[in-house]
PDB file of all heavy atoms in Angstrom:
ATOM      1  N   ILE A   1      -3.823  -0.973 -16.613  1.00  0.00           N
ATOM      2  CA  ILE A   1      -2.844  -1.883 -16.034  1.00  0.00           C
ATOM      3  C   ILE A   1      -3.530  -2.665 -14.929  1.00  0.00           C
ATOM      4  O   ILE A   1      -4.143  -2.069 -14.031  1.00  0.00           O
ATOM      5  CB  ILE A   1      -1.641  -1.110 -15.448  1.00  0.00           C
ATOM      6  CG1 ILE A   1      -1.010  -0.197 -16.504  1.00  0.00           C
ATOM      7  CG2 ILE A   1      -0.610  -2.071 -14.861  1.00  0.00           C
ATOM      8  CD1 ILE A   1      -0.346  -0.910 -17.650  1.00  0.00           C
ATOM      9  N   VAL A   2      -3.451  -4.000 -14.971  1.00  0.00           N
ATOM     10  CA  VAL A   2      -4.106  -4.845 -13.973  1.00  0.00           C
ATOM     11  C   VAL A   2      -3.084  -5.752 -13.299  1.00  0.00           C
ATOM     12  O   VAL A   2      -2.002  -6.006 -13.835  1.00  0.00           O
ATOM     13  CB  VAL A   2      -5.235  -5.705 -14.594  1.00  0.00           C
ATOM     14  CG1 VAL A   2      -6.308  -4.819 -15.214  1.00  0.00           C
ATOM     15  CG2 VAL A   2      -4.674  -6.676 -15.621  1.00  0.00           C
ATOM     16  N   THR A   3      -3.439  -6.250 -12.128  1.00  0.00           N
ATOM     17  CA  THR A   3      -2.571  -7.199 -11.435  1.00  0.00           C
ATOM     18  C   THR A   3      -2.561  -8.519 -12.202  1.00  0.00           C
ATOM     19  O   THR A   3      -3.569  -8.931 -12.774  1.00  0.00           O
ATOM     20  CB  THR A   3      -3.051  -7.451  -9.998  1.00  0.00           C
ATOM     21  OG1 THR A   3      -4.396  -7.971 -10.034  1.00  0.00           O
ATOM     22  CG2 THR A   3      -3.046  -6.154  -9.193  1.00  0.00           C
ATOM     23  N   LEU A   4      -1.420  -9.174 -12.225  1.00  0.00           N
ATOM     24  CA  LEU A   4      -1.272 -10.420 -12.975  1.00  0.00           C
ATOM     25  C   LEU A   4      -2.128 -11.534 -12.389  1.00  0.00           C
ATOM     26  O   LEU A   4      -2.613 -12.406 -13.115  1.00  0.00           O
ATOM     27  CB  LEU A   4       0.202 -10.842 -13.002  1.00  0.00           C
ATOM     28  CG  LEU A   4       0.598 -11.887 -14.049  1.00  0.00           C
ATOM     29  CD1 LEU A   4       0.305 -11.387 -15.461  1.00  0.00           C
ATOM     30  CD2 LEU A   4       2.082 -12.235 -13.914  1.00  0.00           C
ATOM     31  N   ASP A   5      -2.339 -11.510 -11.067  1.00  0.00           N
ATOM     32  CA  ASP A   5      -3.101 -12.588 -10.419  1.00  0.00           C
ATOM     33  C   ASP A   5      -4.568 -12.235 -10.190  1.00  0.00           C
ATOM     34  O   ASP A   5      -5.317 -13.009  -9.603  1.00  0.00           O
ATOM     35  CB  ASP A   5      -2.446 -13.003  -9.100  1.00  0.00           C
ATOM     36  CG  ASP A   5      -2.329 -11.847  -8.103  1.00  0.00           C
ATOM     37  OD1 ASP A   5      -2.890 -10.762  -8.367  1.00  0.00           O
ATOM     38  OD2 ASP A   5      -1.666 -12.032  -7.059  1.00  0.00           O
ATOM     39  N   GLY A   6      -4.993 -11.062 -10.643  1.00  0.00           N
ATOM     40  CA  GLY A   6      -6.396 -10.680 -10.526  1.00  0.00           C
ATOM     41  C   GLY A   6      -6.824 -10.216  -9.156  1.00  0.00           C
ATOM     42  O   GLY A   6      -8.011  -9.955  -8.923  1.00  0.00           O
ATOM     43  N   GLN A   7      -5.880 -10.075  -8.224  1.00  0.00           N
ATOM     44  CA  GLN A   7      -6.238  -9.592  -6.885  1.00  0.00           C
ATOM     45  C   GLN A   7      -6.293  -8.060  -6.873  1.00  0.00           C
ATOM     46  O   GLN A   7      -5.712  -7.397  -7.728  1.00  0.00           O
ATOM     47  CB  GLN A   7      -5.227 -10.114  -5.859  1.00  0.00           C
ATOM     48  CG  GLN A   7      -5.279 -11.618  -5.675  1.00  0.00           C
ATOM     49  CD  GLN A   7      -4.708 -12.041  -4.340  1.00  0.00           C
ATOM     50  OE1 GLN A   7      -5.210 -11.702  -3.278  1.00  0.00           O
ATOM     51  NE2 GLN A   7      -3.623 -12.814  -4.395  1.00  0.00           N
ATOM     52  N   PRO A   8      -6.957  -7.478  -5.865  1.00  0.00           N
ATOM     53  CA  PRO A   8      -7.140  -6.024  -5.835  1.00  0.00           C
ATOM     54  C   PRO A   8      -5.834  -5.249  -5.697  1.00  0.00           C
ATOM     55  O   PRO A   8      -4.827  -5.762  -5.195  1.00  0.00           O
ATOM     56  CB  PRO A   8      -8.019  -5.803  -4.599  1.00  0.00           C
ATOM     57  CG  PRO A   8      -8.663  -7.116  -4.334  1.00  0.00           C
ATOM     58  CD  PRO A   8      -7.677  -8.150  -4.773  1.00  0.00           C
ATOM     59  N   SER A   9      -5.904  -3.987  -6.140  1.00  0.00           N
ATOM     60  CA  SER A   9      -4.771  -3.067  -6.026  1.00  0.00           C
ATOM     61  C   SER A   9      -5.272  -1.724  -5.519  1.00  0.00           C
ATOM     62  O   SER A   9      -6.396  -1.314  -5.820  1.00  0.00           O
ATOM     63  CB  SER A   9      -4.096  -2.882  -7.393  1.00  0.00           C
ATOM     64  OG  SER A   9      -2.973  -2.026  -7.292  1.00  0.00           O
ATOM     65  N   ALA A  10      -4.441  -1.037  -4.728  1.00  0.00           N
ATOM     66  CA  ALA A  10      -4.799   0.279  -4.185  1.00  0.00           C
ATOM     67  C   ALA A  10      -3.791   1.325  -4.646  1.00  0.00           C
ATOM     68  O   ALA A  10      -2.621   1.009  -4.913  1.00  0.00           O
ATOM     69  CB  ALA A  10      -4.852   0.238  -2.666  1.00  0.00           C
ATOM     70  N   HIS A  11      -4.231   2.565  -4.713  1.00  0.00           N
ATOM     71  CA  HIS A  11      -3.405   3.656  -5.254  1.00  0.00           C
ATOM     72  C   HIS A  11      -3.830   4.974  -4.596  1.00  0.00           C
ATOM     73  O   HIS A  11      -5.001   5.352  -4.624  1.00  0.00           O
ATOM     74  CB  HIS A  11      -3.637   3.724  -6.776  1.00  0.00           C
ATOM     75  CG  HIS A  11      -3.010   4.892  -7.464  1.00  0.00           C
ATOM     76  ND1 HIS A  11      -3.664   5.602  -8.454  1.00  0.00           N
ATOM     77  CD2 HIS A  11      -1.787   5.461  -7.331  1.00  0.00           C
ATOM     78  CE1 HIS A  11      -2.873   6.558  -8.903  1.00  0.00           C
ATOM     79  NE2 HIS A  11      -1.733   6.497  -8.225  1.00  0.00           N
ATOM     80  N   PHE A  12      -2.870   5.628  -3.949  1.00  0.00           N
ATOM     81  CA  PHE A  12      -3.085   6.958  -3.375  1.00  0.00           C
ATOM     82  C   PHE A  12      -1.940   7.864  -3.810  1.00  0.00           C
ATOM     83  O   PHE A  12      -0.792   7.402  -3.900  1.00  0.00           O
ATOM     84  CB  PHE A  12      -3.139   6.894  -1.849  1.00  0.00           C
ATOM     85  CG  PHE A  12      -4.349   6.175  -1.310  1.00  0.00           C
ATOM     86  CD1 PHE A  12      -4.339   4.797  -1.112  1.00  0.00           C
ATOM     87  CD2 PHE A  12      -5.508   6.869  -1.006  1.00  0.00           C
ATOM     88  CE1 PHE A  12      -5.446   4.134  -0.618  1.00  0.00           C
ATOM     89  CE2 PHE A  12      -6.630   6.216  -0.503  1.00  0.00           C
ATOM     90  CZ  PHE A  12      -6.599   4.842  -0.310  1.00  0.00           C
ATOM     91  N   GLU A  13      -2.247   9.148  -4.026  1.00  0.00           N
ATOM     92  CA  GLU A  13      -1.216  10.053  -4.558  1.00  0.00           C
ATOM     93  C   GLU A  13      -1.375  11.463  -3.997  1.00  0.00           C
ATOM     94  O   GLU A  13      -2.487  11.986  -3.910  1.00  0.00           O
ATOM     95  CB  GLU A  13      -1.327  10.096  -6.084  1.00  0.00           C
ATOM     96  CG  GLU A  13      -0.354  11.041  -6.781  1.00  0.00           C
ATOM     97  CD  GLU A  13      -0.520  11.028  -8.291  1.00  0.00           C
ATOM     98  OE1 GLU A  13      -1.583  10.565  -8.776  1.00  0.00           O
ATOM     99  OE2 GLU A  13       0.392  11.479  -8.988  1.00  0.00           O
ATOM    100  N   HIS A  14      -0.241  12.061  -3.641  1.00  0.00           N
ATOM    101  CA  HIS A  14      -0.187  13.462  -3.228  1.00  0.00           C
ATOM    102  C   HIS A  14       0.893  14.202  -4.022  1.00  0.00           C
ATOM    103  O   HIS A  14       1.893  13.604  -4.443  1.00  0.00           O
ATOM    104  CB  HIS A  14       0.184  13.585  -1.747  1.00  0.00           C
ATOM    105  CG  HIS A  14      -0.979  13.594  -0.806  1.00  0.00           C
ATOM    106  ND1 HIS A  14      -2.087  14.405  -0.974  1.00  0.00           N
ATOM    107  CD2 HIS A  14      -1.196  12.919   0.358  1.00  0.00           C
ATOM    108  CE1 HIS A  14      -2.927  14.216   0.034  1.00  0.00           C
ATOM    109  NE2 HIS A  14      -2.417  13.317   0.845  1.00  0.00           N
ATOM    110  N   ASP A  15       0.674  15.509  -4.195  1.00  0.00           N
ATOM    111  CA  ASP A  15       1.700  16.408  -4.733  1.00  0.00           C
ATOM    112  C   ASP A  15       2.416  17.050  -3.549  1.00  0.00           C
ATOM    113  O   ASP A  15       1.764  17.604  -2.657  1.00  0.00           O
ATOM    114  CB  ASP A  15       1.063  17.508  -5.592  1.00  0.00           C
ATOM    115  CG  ASP A  15       0.260  16.941  -6.753  1.00  0.00           C
ATOM    116  OD1 ASP A  15       0.514  15.786  -7.140  1.00  0.00           O
ATOM    117  OD2 ASP A  15      -0.611  17.664  -7.271  1.00  0.00           O
ATOM    118  N   VAL A  16       3.740  16.980  -3.555  1.00  0.00           N
ATOM    119  CA  VAL A  16       4.519  17.416  -2.399  1.00  0.00           C
ATOM    120  C   VAL A  16       5.716  18.252  -2.858  1.00  0.00           C
ATOM    121  O   VAL A  16       6.426  17.870  -3.791  1.00  0.00           O
ATOM    122  CB  VAL A  16       5.036  16.206  -1.582  1.00  0.00           C
ATOM    123  CG1 VAL A  16       5.556  16.674  -0.229  1.00  0.00           C
ATOM    124  CG2 VAL A  16       3.963  15.153  -1.405  1.00  0.00           C
ATOM    125  N   ALA A  17       5.943  19.369  -2.186  1.00  0.00           N
ATOM    126  CA  ALA A  17       7.098  20.238  -2.452  1.00  0.00           C
ATOM    127  C   ALA A  17       8.078  20.163  -1.280  1.00  0.00           C
ATOM    128  O   ALA A  17       7.700  19.803  -0.154  1.00  0.00           O
ATOM    129  CB  ALA A  17       6.640  21.682  -2.644  1.00  0.00           C
ATOM    130  N   ILE A  18       9.320  20.490  -1.553  1.00  0.00           N
ATOM    131  CA  ILE A  18      10.290  20.649  -0.467  1.00  0.00           C
ATOM    132  C   ILE A  18      10.412  22.137  -0.188  1.00  0.00           C
ATOM    133  O   ILE A  18      10.869  22.914  -1.028  1.00  0.00           O
ATOM    134  CB  ILE A  18      11.661  20.041  -0.815  1.00  0.00           C
ATOM    135  CG1 ILE A  18      11.524  18.537  -1.046  1.00  0.00           C
ATOM    136  CG2 ILE A  18      12.663  20.318   0.306  1.00  0.00           C
ATOM    137  CD1 ILE A  18      12.829  17.828  -1.375  1.00  0.00           C
ATOM    138  N   VAL A  19       9.953  22.540   1.009  1.00  0.00           N
ATOM    139  CA  VAL A  19       9.952  23.945   1.427  1.00  0.00           C
ATOM    140  C   VAL A  19      10.679  24.038   2.768  1.00  0.00           C
ATOM    141  O   VAL A  19      10.350  23.311   3.716  1.00  0.00           O
ATOM    142  CB  VAL A  19       8.505  24.473   1.567  1.00  0.00           C
ATOM    143  CG1 VAL A  19       8.512  25.903   2.076  1.00  0.00           C
ATOM    144  CG2 VAL A  19       7.770  24.381   0.234  1.00  0.00           C
ATOM    145  N   ASP A  20      11.683  24.891   2.836  1.00  0.00           N
ATOM    146  CA  ASP A  20      12.512  24.999   4.048  1.00  0.00           C
ATOM    147  C   ASP A  20      13.091  23.645   4.436  1.00  0.00           C
ATOM    148  O   ASP A  20      13.179  23.289   5.622  1.00  0.00           O
ATOM    149  CB  ASP A  20      11.708  25.587   5.217  1.00  0.00           C
ATOM    150  CG  ASP A  20      11.322  27.040   4.989  1.00  0.00           C
ATOM    151  OD1 ASP A  20      12.051  27.731   4.237  1.00  0.00           O
ATOM    152  OD2 ASP A  20      10.299  27.485   5.537  1.00  0.00           O
ATOM    153  N   GLY A  21      13.428  22.890   3.417  1.00  0.00           N
ATOM    154  CA  GLY A  21      14.105  21.609   3.619  1.00  0.00           C
ATOM    155  C   GLY A  21      13.203  20.442   3.952  1.00  0.00           C
ATOM    156  O   GLY A  21      13.673  19.308   4.060  1.00  0.00           O
ATOM    157  N   LYS A  22      11.875  20.704   4.115  1.00  0.00           N
ATOM    158  CA  LYS A  22      10.947  19.679   4.583  1.00  0.00           C
ATOM    159  C   LYS A  22       9.808  19.483   3.580  1.00  0.00           C
ATOM    160  O   LYS A  22       9.530  20.366   2.771  1.00  0.00           O
ATOM    161  CB  LYS A  22      10.360  20.080   5.945  1.00  0.00           C
ATOM    162  CG  LYS A  22      11.390  20.268   7.057  1.00  0.00           C
ATOM    163  CD  LYS A  22      10.719  20.746   8.343  1.00  0.00           C
ATOM    164  CE  LYS A  22      10.095  22.123   8.163  1.00  0.00           C
ATOM    165  NZ  LYS A  22       9.554  22.667   9.452  1.00  0.00           N
ATOM    166  N   PRO A  23       9.101  18.334   3.690  1.00  0.00           N
ATOM    167  CA  PRO A  23       7.979  18.103   2.777  1.00  0.00           C
ATOM    168  C   PRO A  23       6.776  18.968   3.120  1.00  0.00           C
ATOM    169  O   PRO A  23       6.393  19.098   4.275  1.00  0.00           O
ATOM    170  CB  PRO A  23       7.661  16.620   2.982  1.00  0.00           C
ATOM    171  CG  PRO A  23       8.166  16.297   4.352  1.00  0.00           C
ATOM    172  CD  PRO A  23       9.371  17.169   4.561  1.00  0.00           C
ATOM    173  N   GLU A  24       6.204  19.562   2.090  1.00  0.00           N
ATOM    174  CA  GLU A  24       4.994  20.374   2.217  1.00  0.00           C
ATOM    175  C   GLU A  24       3.962  19.830   1.233  1.00  0.00           C
ATOM    176  O   GLU A  24       4.149  19.914   0.006  1.00  0.00           O
ATOM    177  CB  GLU A  24       5.306  21.841   1.911  1.00  0.00           C
ATOM    178  CG  GLU A  24       4.112  22.754   1.771  1.00  0.00           C
ATOM    179  CD  GLU A  24       3.531  23.240   3.102  1.00  0.00           C
ATOM    180  OE1 GLU A  24       4.126  22.941   4.156  1.00  0.00           O
ATOM    181  OE2 GLU A  24       2.496  23.917   3.082  1.00  0.00           O
ATOM    182  N   ILE A  25       2.879  19.242   1.750  1.00  0.00           N
ATOM    183  CA  ILE A  25       1.842  18.693   0.882  1.00  0.00           C
ATOM    184  C   ILE A  25       1.056  19.832   0.234  1.00  0.00           C
ATOM    185  O   ILE A  25       0.574  20.736   0.916  1.00  0.00           O
ATOM    186  CB  ILE A  25       0.885  17.782   1.676  1.00  0.00           C
ATOM    187  CG1 ILE A  25       1.608  16.513   2.136  1.00  0.00           C
ATOM    188  CG2 ILE A  25      -0.320  17.400   0.829  1.00  0.00           C
ATOM    189  CD1 ILE A  25       0.722  15.523   2.852  1.00  0.00           C
ATOM    190  N   LEU A  26       0.934  19.775  -1.088  1.00  0.00           N
ATOM    191  CA  LEU A  26       0.186  20.797  -1.818  1.00  0.00           C
ATOM    192  C   LEU A  26      -1.254  20.373  -2.058  1.00  0.00           C
ATOM    193  O   LEU A  26      -2.144  21.211  -2.148  1.00  0.00           O
ATOM    194  CB  LEU A  26       0.870  21.078  -3.162  1.00  0.00           C
ATOM    195  CG  LEU A  26       2.354  21.472  -3.090  1.00  0.00           C
ATOM    196  CD1 LEU A  26       2.892  21.769  -4.491  1.00  0.00           C
ATOM    197  CD2 LEU A  26       2.570  22.666  -2.160  1.00  0.00           C
ATOM    198  N   SER A  27      -1.484  19.073  -2.183  1.00  0.00           N
ATOM    199  CA  SER A  27      -2.832  18.525  -2.362  1.00  0.00           C
ATOM    200  C   SER A  27      -3.381  18.148  -0.985  1.00  0.00           C
ATOM    201  O   SER A  27      -2.692  18.274   0.022  1.00  0.00           O
ATOM    202  CB  SER A  27      -2.771  17.311  -3.289  1.00  0.00           C
ATOM    203  OG  SER A  27      -1.778  16.391  -2.860  1.00  0.00           O
ATOM    204  N   THR A  28      -4.627  17.688  -0.957  1.00  0.00           N
ATOM    205  CA  THR A  28      -5.211  17.269   0.323  1.00  0.00           C
ATOM    206  C   THR A  28      -6.343  16.279   0.098  1.00  0.00           C
ATOM    207  O   THR A  28      -7.043  16.343  -0.927  1.00  0.00           O
ATOM    208  CB  THR A  28      -5.751  18.475   1.124  1.00  0.00           C
ATOM    209  OG1 THR A  28      -6.241  18.011   2.388  1.00  0.00           O
ATOM    210  CG2 THR A  28      -6.873  19.189   0.388  1.00  0.00           C
ATOM    211  N   PHE A  29      -6.514  15.379   1.042  1.00  0.00           N
ATOM    212  CA  PHE A  29      -7.686  14.500   1.056  1.00  0.00           C
ATOM    213  C   PHE A  29      -8.809  15.088   1.902  1.00  0.00           C
ATOM    214  O   PHE A  29      -9.842  14.445   2.102  1.00  0.00           O
ATOM    215  CB  PHE A  29      -7.312  13.119   1.617  1.00  0.00           C
ATOM    216  CG  PHE A  29      -6.380  12.323   0.740  1.00  0.00           C
ATOM    217  CD1 PHE A  29      -5.435  11.481   1.314  1.00  0.00           C
ATOM    218  CD2 PHE A  29      -6.439  12.396  -0.646  1.00  0.00           C
ATOM    219  CE1 PHE A  29      -4.575  10.730   0.528  1.00  0.00           C
ATOM    220  CE2 PHE A  29      -5.580  11.659  -1.450  1.00  0.00           C
ATOM    221  CZ  PHE A  29      -4.651  10.817  -0.863  1.00  0.00           C
ATOM    222  N   ALA A  30      -8.633  16.300   2.397  1.00  0.00           N
ATOM    223  CA  ALA A  30      -9.608  16.883   3.326  1.00  0.00           C
ATOM    224  C   ALA A  30     -11.001  17.014   2.707  1.00  0.00           C
ATOM    225  O   ALA A  30     -12.011  16.838   3.393  1.00  0.00           O
ATOM    226  CB  ALA A  30      -9.125  18.247   3.810  1.00  0.00           C
ATOM    227  N   TYR A  31     -11.079  17.332   1.408  1.00  0.00           N
ATOM    228  CA  TYR A  31     -12.383  17.469   0.754  1.00  0.00           C
ATOM    229  C   TYR A  31     -13.078  16.112   0.635  1.00  0.00           C
ATOM    230  O   TYR A  31     -14.297  16.007   0.778  1.00  0.00           O
ATOM    231  CB  TYR A  31     -12.223  18.118  -0.620  1.00  0.00           C
ATOM    232  CG  TYR A  31     -11.690  19.529  -0.553  1.00  0.00           C
ATOM    233  CD1 TYR A  31     -10.343  19.801  -0.793  1.00  0.00           C
ATOM    234  CD2 TYR A  31     -12.526  20.599  -0.234  1.00  0.00           C
ATOM    235  CE1 TYR A  31      -9.834  21.086  -0.721  1.00  0.00           C
ATOM    236  CE2 TYR A  31     -12.040  21.895  -0.160  1.00  0.00           C
ATOM    237  CZ  TYR A  31     -10.686  22.135  -0.399  1.00  0.00           C
ATOM    238  OH  TYR A  31     -10.190  23.412  -0.317  1.00  0.00           O
ATOM    239  N   VAL A  32     -12.282  15.076   0.365  1.00  0.00           N
ATOM    240  CA  VAL A  32     -12.822  13.715   0.339  1.00  0.00           C
ATOM    241  C   VAL A  32     -13.344  13.341   1.725  1.00  0.00           C
ATOM    242  O   VAL A  32     -14.460  12.828   1.878  1.00  0.00           O
ATOM    243  CB  VAL A  32     -11.754  12.704  -0.119  1.00  0.00           C
ATOM    244  CG1 VAL A  32     -12.226  11.273   0.086  1.00  0.00           C
ATOM    245  CG2 VAL A  32     -11.387  12.941  -1.576  1.00  0.00           C
ATOM    246  N   TYR A  33     -12.524  13.619   2.740  1.00  0.00           N
ATOM    247  CA  TYR A  33     -12.907  13.248   4.106  1.00  0.00           C
ATOM    248  C   TYR A  33     -14.142  14.006   4.569  1.00  0.00           C
ATOM    249  O   TYR A  33     -14.996  13.451   5.273  1.00  0.00           O
ATOM    250  CB  TYR A  33     -11.738  13.496   5.059  1.00  0.00           C
ATOM    251  CG  TYR A  33     -10.557  12.588   4.846  1.00  0.00           C
ATOM    252  CD1 TYR A  33      -9.309  12.902   5.367  1.00  0.00           C
ATOM    253  CD2 TYR A  33     -10.680  11.406   4.122  1.00  0.00           C
ATOM    254  CE1 TYR A  33      -8.214  12.070   5.177  1.00  0.00           C
ATOM    255  CE2 TYR A  33      -9.598  10.571   3.933  1.00  0.00           C
ATOM    256  CZ  TYR A  33      -8.365  10.907   4.457  1.00  0.00           C
ATOM    257  OH  TYR A  33      -7.295  10.076   4.264  1.00  0.00           O
ATOM    258  N   GLU A  34     -14.242  15.262   4.185  1.00  0.00           N
ATOM    259  CA  GLU A  34     -15.427  16.042   4.548  1.00  0.00           C
ATOM    260  C   GLU A  34     -16.681  15.408   3.941  1.00  0.00           C
ATOM    261  O   GLU A  34     -17.721  15.276   4.606  1.00  0.00           O
ATOM    262  CB  GLU A  34     -15.276  17.482   4.054  1.00  0.00           C
ATOM    263  CG  GLU A  34     -16.423  18.390   4.460  1.00  0.00           C
ATOM    264  CD  GLU A  34     -16.224  19.815   3.974  1.00  0.00           C
ATOM    265  OE1 GLU A  34     -15.800  20.006   2.819  1.00  0.00           O
ATOM    266  OE2 GLU A  34     -16.512  20.741   4.755  1.00  0.00           O
ATOM    267  N   ALA A  35     -16.576  14.972   2.692  1.00  0.00           N
ATOM    268  CA  ALA A  35     -17.718  14.356   2.017  1.00  0.00           C
ATOM    269  C   ALA A  35     -18.086  13.012   2.634  1.00  0.00           C
ATOM    270  O   ALA A  35     -19.267  12.649   2.693  1.00  0.00           O
ATOM    271  CB  ALA A  35     -17.404  14.183   0.527  1.00  0.00           C
ATOM    272  N   LEU A  36     -17.086  12.280   3.103  1.00  0.00           N
ATOM    273  CA  LEU A  36     -17.313  10.932   3.624  1.00  0.00           C
ATOM    274  C   LEU A  36     -17.488  10.896   5.142  1.00  0.00           C
ATOM    275  O   LEU A  36     -17.704   9.832   5.717  1.00  0.00           O
ATOM    276  CB  LEU A  36     -16.143  10.024   3.227  1.00  0.00           C
ATOM    277  CG  LEU A  36     -15.921   9.825   1.720  1.00  0.00           C
ATOM    278  CD1 LEU A  36     -14.733   8.915   1.476  1.00  0.00           C
ATOM    279  CD2 LEU A  36     -17.170   9.274   1.039  1.00  0.00           C
ATOM    280  N   GLY A  37     -17.360  12.054   5.795  1.00  0.00           N
ATOM    281  CA  GLY A  37     -17.517  12.099   7.242  1.00  0.00           C
ATOM    282  C   GLY A  37     -16.357  11.482   7.997  1.00  0.00           C
ATOM    283  O   GLY A  37     -16.542  10.934   9.090  1.00  0.00           O
ATOM    284  N   ILE A  38     -15.161  11.585   7.444  1.00  0.00           N
ATOM    285  CA  ILE A  38     -13.953  11.023   8.061  1.00  0.00           C
ATOM    286  C   ILE A  38     -13.180  12.137   8.762  1.00  0.00           C
ATOM    287  O   ILE A  38     -12.998  13.226   8.215  1.00  0.00           O
ATOM    288  CB  ILE A  38     -13.048  10.359   6.992  1.00  0.00           C
ATOM    289  CG1 ILE A  38     -13.773   9.163   6.359  1.00  0.00           C
ATOM    290  CG2 ILE A  38     -11.715   9.924   7.591  1.00  0.00           C
ATOM    291  CD1 ILE A  38     -13.061   8.575   5.164  1.00  0.00           C
ATOM    292  N   THR A  39     -12.712  11.864   9.972  1.00  0.00           N
ATOM    293  CA  THR A  39     -11.865  12.797  10.707  1.00  0.00           C
ATOM    294  C   THR A  39     -10.426  12.287  10.657  1.00  0.00           C
ATOM    295  O   THR A  39     -10.176  11.114  10.938  1.00  0.00           O
ATOM    296  CB  THR A  39     -12.312  12.916  12.170  1.00  0.00           C
ATOM    297  OG1 THR A  39     -13.658  13.369  12.200  1.00  0.00           O
ATOM    298  CG2 THR A  39     -11.422  13.912  12.926  1.00  0.00           C
ATOM    299  N   SER A  40      -9.491  13.154  10.291  1.00  0.00           N
ATOM    300  CA  SER A  40      -8.093  12.727  10.165  1.00  0.00           C
ATOM    301  C   SER A  40      -7.158  13.908  10.391  1.00  0.00           C
ATOM    302  O   SER A  40      -7.461  15.036  10.003  1.00  0.00           O
ATOM    303  CB  SER A  40      -7.841  12.141   8.773  1.00  0.00           C
ATOM    304  OG  SER A  40      -6.474  11.887   8.578  1.00  0.00           O
TER     305      SER A  40
END
């Protein structure tokens, strides 16, 4: 799937559960950040 005008597109995704009524992230970007030297 591509943009109709040929301009760039970005996509980020997490898996999230509702635990005790609140969002709980099950996935993480921490491994990516460790590899890239990013602190977050």
